[in-house]
Structure formats: structure tokens, C-alpha cells
């Protein structure tokens, strides 16, 4: 029997963080014709920043990997809201966009964003496999080391 995403979350000893209203004039996600576009998510635990700093300086690549996992877990929380709490309605994680706040000489950006990719595949199985880009940037909101956004396809309710 295939496990549901919720069962996989439990098996990974993860719970979905509480989502707080985005700061600014934007939505946490937007749906359009079977697609859900999740706004960039930060490594927040119930609305509180958990990681701060530049990767390759104040933040190790290993901590940045964990920050990417946490940001992706916030993506899953947004997907849960978009699917009325039924993550089995997520048919496919189509694309992941990863932004890493890092020193110019830091080149292990893909390693950091793998934290998000690994989390999404862990939760959604094969449906979590996706196209992706990962780039280094000079700064991110609230000084966080990573931001993750996702495009997913979902099944309409009913």
C-alpha cells in the first residue's frame, strides 16, 4: 500500500509548521487551472526565523541544507492549505526555485538546495521529483540564508 504524504511526514518525524500571513501585499500561494504557485518560503518555524546569515560565513553549508529543508517544509504547509489539508491531491512537484544568500566565492549552492529537494521527495515520493534551479544571491529577506519557491500540479477537490 502506498503511503500518503501525511504518513511520510510522520515517518520522517516532521510536523507542518504553522503558517503566518506573508509580510507585504502578496499571497502565500495562488492556484490557477490545476497549478499551485507557492511564494518563496523562508526557514521559519511557526513564523519565527530559525537561521540567519550568509552561507560560507556565519552559516555552514550543512546548516544551510537544514534551512532549505525547513523552507521546503513551509512550502508543504502552503500546499496543505491549497489542497484543504489533503496533500494526496498534489500530483506533481513541477519546479523548485532555490535562492542561497552566500558569499561570492561559495559554490556549493546545489548542495544547499538539495535540502529542499530531498524533503519534497521524502514527503511526496516520485511525485516530489522536479525540475529546479539554484542560484546564489547577495541578500534575502530578514537576512535568511535560503528561500524556496515551488510550482506544483494538484487535483481539484471533488
C-alpha atoms as a PDB file:
ATOM      1  CA  UNK A   1       0.000   0.000   0.000  1.00  0.00           C
ATOM      2  CA  UNK A   2       1.292   3.444  -0.919  1.00  0.00           C
ATOM      3  CA  UNK A   3       1.836   5.888   1.916  1.00  0.00           C
ATOM      4  CA  UNK A   4       0.152   9.275   1.871  1.00  0.00           C
ATOM      5  CA  UNK A   5       2.287  12.404   2.137  1.00  0.00           C
ATOM      6  CA  UNK A   6       0.930  12.897   5.653  1.00  0.00           C
ATOM      7  CA  UNK A   7       2.083   9.375   6.619  1.00  0.00           C
ATOM      8  CA  UNK A   8       5.506  10.071   5.118  1.00  0.00           C
ATOM      9  CA  UNK A   9       5.739  13.278   7.171  1.00  0.00           C
ATOM     10  CA  UNK A  10       5.018  11.234  10.290  1.00  0.00           C
ATOM     11  CA  UNK A  11       7.601   8.647   9.267  1.00  0.00           C
ATOM     12  CA  UNK A  12      10.162  11.446   8.936  1.00  0.00           C
ATOM     13  CA  UNK A  13       9.151  12.708  12.413  1.00  0.00           C
ATOM     14  CA  UNK A  14       8.071  16.031  10.880  1.00  0.00           C
ATOM     15  CA  UNK A  15       5.068  18.202  11.585  1.00  0.00           C
ATOM     16  CA  UNK A  16       3.932  21.054   9.401  1.00  0.00           C
ATOM     17  CA  UNK A  17       4.858  24.487  10.715  1.00  0.00           C
ATOM     18  CA  UNK A  18       2.089  26.964  11.435  1.00  0.00           C
ATOM     19  CA  UNK A  19       1.768  29.385   8.532  1.00  0.00           C
ATOM     20  CA  UNK A  20       1.698  33.089   9.264  1.00  0.00           C
ATOM     21  CA  UNK A  21       0.357  35.739   6.911  1.00  0.00           C
ATOM     22  CA  UNK A  22       3.070  36.887   4.495  1.00  0.00           C
ATOM     23  CA  UNK A  23       4.639  40.260   5.210  1.00  0.00           C
ATOM     24  CA  UNK A  24       3.572  42.501   2.374  1.00  0.00           C
ATOM     25  CA  UNK A  25       0.951  42.631  -0.313  1.00  0.00           C
ATOM     26  CA  UNK A  26       1.180  39.025  -1.516  1.00  0.00           C
ATOM     27  CA  UNK A  27      -0.316  35.597  -1.031  1.00  0.00           C
ATOM     28  CA  UNK A  28       1.406  32.520   0.365  1.00  0.00           C
ATOM     29  CA  UNK A  29       0.177  30.631  -2.695  1.00  0.00           C
ATOM     30  CA  UNK A  30      -2.005  31.143  -5.751  1.00  0.00           C
ATOM     31  CA  UNK A  31      -3.854  28.478  -7.719  1.00  0.00           C
ATOM     32  CA  UNK A  32      -4.593  28.590 -11.419  1.00  0.00           C
ATOM     33  CA  UNK A  33      -6.078  25.781 -13.527  1.00  0.00           C
ATOM     34  CA  UNK A  34      -4.682  22.885 -11.530  1.00  0.00           C
ATOM     35  CA  UNK A  35      -1.378  24.569 -10.727  1.00  0.00           C
ATOM     36  CA  UNK A  36      -0.385  25.987  -7.374  1.00  0.00           C
ATOM     37  CA  UNK A  37       2.341  28.605  -7.219  1.00  0.00           C
ATOM     38  CA  UNK A  38       3.865  28.769  -3.743  1.00  0.00           C
ATOM     39  CA  UNK A  39       5.521  32.070  -2.915  1.00  0.00           C
ATOM     40  CA  UNK A  40       9.099  31.989  -1.702  1.00  0.00           C
ATOM     41  CA  UNK A  41       9.257  30.378   1.722  1.00  0.00           C
ATOM     42  CA  UNK A  42      11.877  31.156   4.343  1.00  0.00           C
ATOM     43  CA  UNK A  43      13.337  28.893   7.042  1.00  0.00           C
ATOM     44  CA  UNK A  44      10.737  29.845   9.638  1.00  0.00           C
ATOM     45  CA  UNK A  45       9.475  27.708  12.493  1.00  0.00           C
ATOM     46  CA  UNK A  46       5.917  28.810  13.258  1.00  0.00           C
ATOM     47  CA  UNK A  47       6.651  32.271  11.897  1.00  0.00           C
ATOM     48  CA  UNK A  48       9.992  32.752  13.666  1.00  0.00           C
ATOM     49  CA  UNK A  49      13.264  32.925  11.715  1.00  0.00           C
ATOM     50  CA  UNK A  50      15.380  29.893  12.632  1.00  0.00           C
ATOM     51  CA  UNK A  51      18.511  30.574  10.536  1.00  0.00           C
ATOM     52  CA  UNK A  52      20.189  33.930   9.808  1.00  0.00           C
ATOM     53  CA  UNK A  53      23.333  34.831   7.916  1.00  0.00           C
ATOM     54  CA  UNK A  54      25.332  34.220   4.777  1.00  0.00           C
ATOM     55  CA  UNK A  55      26.329  30.733   3.721  1.00  0.00           C
ATOM     56  CA  UNK A  56      30.092  30.389   3.687  1.00  0.00           C
ATOM     57  CA  UNK A  57      30.377  32.920   6.515  1.00  0.00           C
ATOM     58  CA  UNK A  58      28.047  32.789   9.544  1.00  0.00           C
ATOM     59  CA  UNK A  59      26.128  29.761   8.217  1.00  0.00           C
ATOM     60  CA  UNK A  60      27.742  26.425   7.305  1.00  0.00           C
ATOM     61  CA  UNK A  61      26.661  24.570   4.188  1.00  0.00           C
ATOM     62  CA  UNK A  62      25.208  21.849   6.459  1.00  0.00           C
ATOM     63  CA  UNK A  63      23.100  24.369   8.401  1.00  0.00           C
ATOM     64  CA  UNK A  64      22.030  25.950   5.110  1.00  0.00           C
ATOM     65  CA  UNK A  65      20.924  22.485   3.886  1.00  0.00           C
ATOM     66  CA  UNK A  66      18.767  22.214   7.047  1.00  0.00           C
ATOM     67  CA  UNK A  67      17.443  25.740   6.440  1.00  0.00           C
ATOM     68  CA  UNK A  68      16.421  24.691   2.910  1.00  0.00           C
ATOM     69  CA  UNK A  69      14.629  21.648   4.359  1.00  0.00           C
ATOM     70  CA  UNK A  70      12.739  23.902   6.770  1.00  0.00           C
ATOM     71  CA  UNK A  71      11.822  26.345   3.985  1.00  0.00           C
ATOM     72  CA  UNK A  72      10.556  23.374   1.931  1.00  0.00           C
ATOM     73  CA  UNK A  73       8.532  22.187   4.921  1.00  0.00           C
ATOM     74  CA  UNK A  74       6.874  25.609   4.877  1.00  0.00           C
ATOM     75  CA  UNK A  75       6.167  25.024   1.176  1.00  0.00           C
ATOM     76  CA  UNK A  76       4.430  21.776   2.161  1.00  0.00           C
ATOM     77  CA  UNK A  77       2.362  23.727   4.722  1.00  0.00           C
ATOM     78  CA  UNK A  78       1.276  26.103   1.960  1.00  0.00           C
ATOM     79  CA  UNK A  79       0.426  23.135  -0.280  1.00  0.00           C
ATOM     80  CA  UNK A  80      -1.633  21.689   2.564  1.00  0.00           C
ATOM     81  CA  UNK A  81      -3.615  24.928   2.745  1.00  0.00           C
ATOM     82  CA  UNK A  82      -4.055  24.954  -1.044  1.00  0.00           C
ATOM     83  CA  UNK A  83      -5.411  21.384  -1.018  1.00  0.00           C
ATOM     84  CA  UNK A  84      -7.689  21.827   2.013  1.00  0.00           C
ATOM     85  CA  UNK A  85      -5.433  19.631   4.140  1.00  0.00           C
ATOM     86  CA  UNK A  86      -5.229  16.732   1.663  1.00  0.00           C
ATOM     87  CA  UNK A  87      -1.649  16.537   0.397  1.00  0.00           C
ATOM     88  CA  UNK A  88      -2.587  13.448  -1.633  1.00  0.00           C
ATOM     89  CA  UNK A  89      -4.163  15.915  -4.075  1.00  0.00           C
ATOM     90  CA  UNK A  90      -0.653  17.102  -5.011  1.00  0.00           C
ATOM     91  CA  UNK A  91       0.001  15.214  -8.234  1.00  0.00           C
ATOM     92  CA  UNK A  92       3.444  16.576  -9.010  1.00  0.00           C
ATOM     93  CA  UNK A  93       6.069  18.989  -7.752  1.00  0.00           C
ATOM     94  CA  UNK A  94       6.867  20.594 -11.100  1.00  0.00           C
ATOM     95  CA  UNK A  95       9.639  23.073 -10.310  1.00  0.00           C
ATOM     96  CA  UNK A  96      11.694  24.211  -7.345  1.00  0.00           C
ATOM     97  CA  UNK A  97      13.489  27.544  -7.303  1.00  0.00           C
ATOM     98  CA  UNK A  98      16.232  27.905  -4.709  1.00  0.00           C
ATOM     99  CA  UNK A  99      17.931  31.123  -3.677  1.00  0.00           C
ATOM    100  CA  UNK A 100      21.000  30.952  -1.432  1.00  0.00           C
ATOM    101  CA  UNK A 101      22.282  34.055   0.387  1.00  0.00           C
ATOM    102  CA  UNK A 102      26.009  33.377   0.197  1.00  0.00           C
ATOM    103  CA  UNK A 103      29.467  34.810  -0.157  1.00  0.00           C
ATOM    104  CA  UNK A 104      30.529  35.312  -3.792  1.00  0.00           C
ATOM    105  CA  UNK A 105      33.131  32.534  -3.545  1.00  0.00           C
ATOM    106  CA  UNK A 106      30.660  29.962  -2.158  1.00  0.00           C
ATOM    107  CA  UNK A 107      29.989  27.436  -4.941  1.00  0.00           C
ATOM    108  CA  UNK A 108      28.119  24.600  -3.212  1.00  0.00           C
ATOM    109  CA  UNK A 109      24.743  26.186  -3.875  1.00  0.00           C
ATOM    110  CA  UNK A 110      23.279  22.964  -5.308  1.00  0.00           C
ATOM    111  CA  UNK A 111      24.198  21.113  -2.097  1.00  0.00           C
ATOM    112  CA  UNK A 112      22.222  23.648  -0.053  1.00  0.00           C
ATOM    113  CA  UNK A 113      19.101  23.487  -2.253  1.00  0.00           C
ATOM    114  CA  UNK A 114      19.286  19.683  -2.143  1.00  0.00           C
ATOM    115  CA  UNK A 115      17.864  20.097   1.371  1.00  0.00           C
ATOM    116  CA  UNK A 116      14.598  21.276  -0.180  1.00  0.00           C
ATOM    117  CA  UNK A 117      14.654  18.689  -2.960  1.00  0.00           C
ATOM    118  CA  UNK A 118      15.350  15.843  -0.525  1.00  0.00           C
ATOM    119  CA  UNK A 119      12.494  16.950   1.751  1.00  0.00           C
ATOM    120  CA  UNK A 120       9.999  17.177  -1.131  1.00  0.00           C
ATOM    121  CA  UNK A 121      10.915  13.728  -2.482  1.00  0.00           C
ATOM    122  CA  UNK A 122      10.790  12.360   1.080  1.00  0.00           C
ATOM    123  CA  UNK A 123       7.240  13.672   1.533  1.00  0.00           C
ATOM    124  CA  UNK A 124       5.795  13.096  -1.949  1.00  0.00           C
ATOM    125  CA  UNK A 125       7.854  10.156  -3.224  1.00  0.00           C
ATOM    126  CA  UNK A 126       8.175  10.049  -7.012  1.00  0.00           C
ATOM    127  CA  UNK A 127       5.626  12.873  -7.283  1.00  0.00           C
ATOM    128  CA  UNK A 128       8.179  15.050  -5.471  1.00  0.00           C
ATOM    129  CA  UNK A 129      10.810  14.767  -8.244  1.00  0.00           C
ATOM    130  CA  UNK A 130      11.093  18.087 -10.041  1.00  0.00           C
ATOM    131  CA  UNK A 131      12.952  20.458 -12.331  1.00  0.00           C
ATOM    132  CA  UNK A 132      14.994  23.008 -10.401  1.00  0.00           C
ATOM    133  CA  UNK A 133      17.298  25.950 -10.392  1.00  0.00           C
ATOM    134  CA  UNK A 134      19.604  27.026  -7.591  1.00  0.00           C
ATOM    135  CA  UNK A 135      21.349  30.384  -7.542  1.00  0.00           C
ATOM    136  CA  UNK A 136      23.483  32.363  -5.143  1.00  0.00           C
ATOM    137  CA  UNK A 137      22.283  35.848  -4.260  1.00  0.00           C
ATOM    138  CA  UNK A 138      23.692  38.822  -2.347  1.00  0.00           C
ATOM    139  CA  UNK A 139      20.820  39.110   0.139  1.00  0.00           C
ATOM    140  CA  UNK A 140      17.464  37.621   1.117  1.00  0.00           C
ATOM    141  CA  UNK A 141      14.562  38.923   3.238  1.00  0.00           C
ATOM    142  CA  UNK A 142      15.155  39.022   7.001  1.00  0.00           C
ATOM    143  CA  UNK A 143      18.787  38.004   6.461  1.00  0.00           C
ATOM    144  CA  UNK A 144      17.930  34.316   5.985  1.00  0.00           C
ATOM    145  CA  UNK A 145      20.366  32.019   4.170  1.00  0.00           C
ATOM    146  CA  UNK A 146      17.839  30.400   1.810  1.00  0.00           C
ATOM    147  CA  UNK A 147      14.457  30.913   0.168  1.00  0.00           C
ATOM    148  CA  UNK A 148      12.490  28.227  -1.696  1.00  0.00           C
ATOM    149  CA  UNK A 149       9.571  28.644  -4.089  1.00  0.00           C
ATOM    150  CA  UNK A 150       7.627  25.862  -5.801  1.00  0.00           C
ATOM    151  CA  UNK A 151       5.235  25.270  -8.657  1.00  0.00           C
ATOM    152  CA  UNK A 152       3.090  22.158  -8.206  1.00  0.00           C
ATOM    153  CA  UNK A 153       0.194  20.490 -10.005  1.00  0.00           C
ATOM    154  CA  UNK A 154      -2.777  19.347  -7.980  1.00  0.00           C
ATOM    155  CA  UNK A 155      -6.055  17.537  -8.427  1.00  0.00           C
ATOM    156  CA  UNK A 156      -9.188  19.618  -7.945  1.00  0.00           C
ATOM    157  CA  UNK A 157     -11.393  18.639  -4.986  1.00  0.00           C
ATOM    158  CA  UNK A 158     -14.429  16.516  -5.595  1.00  0.00           C
END
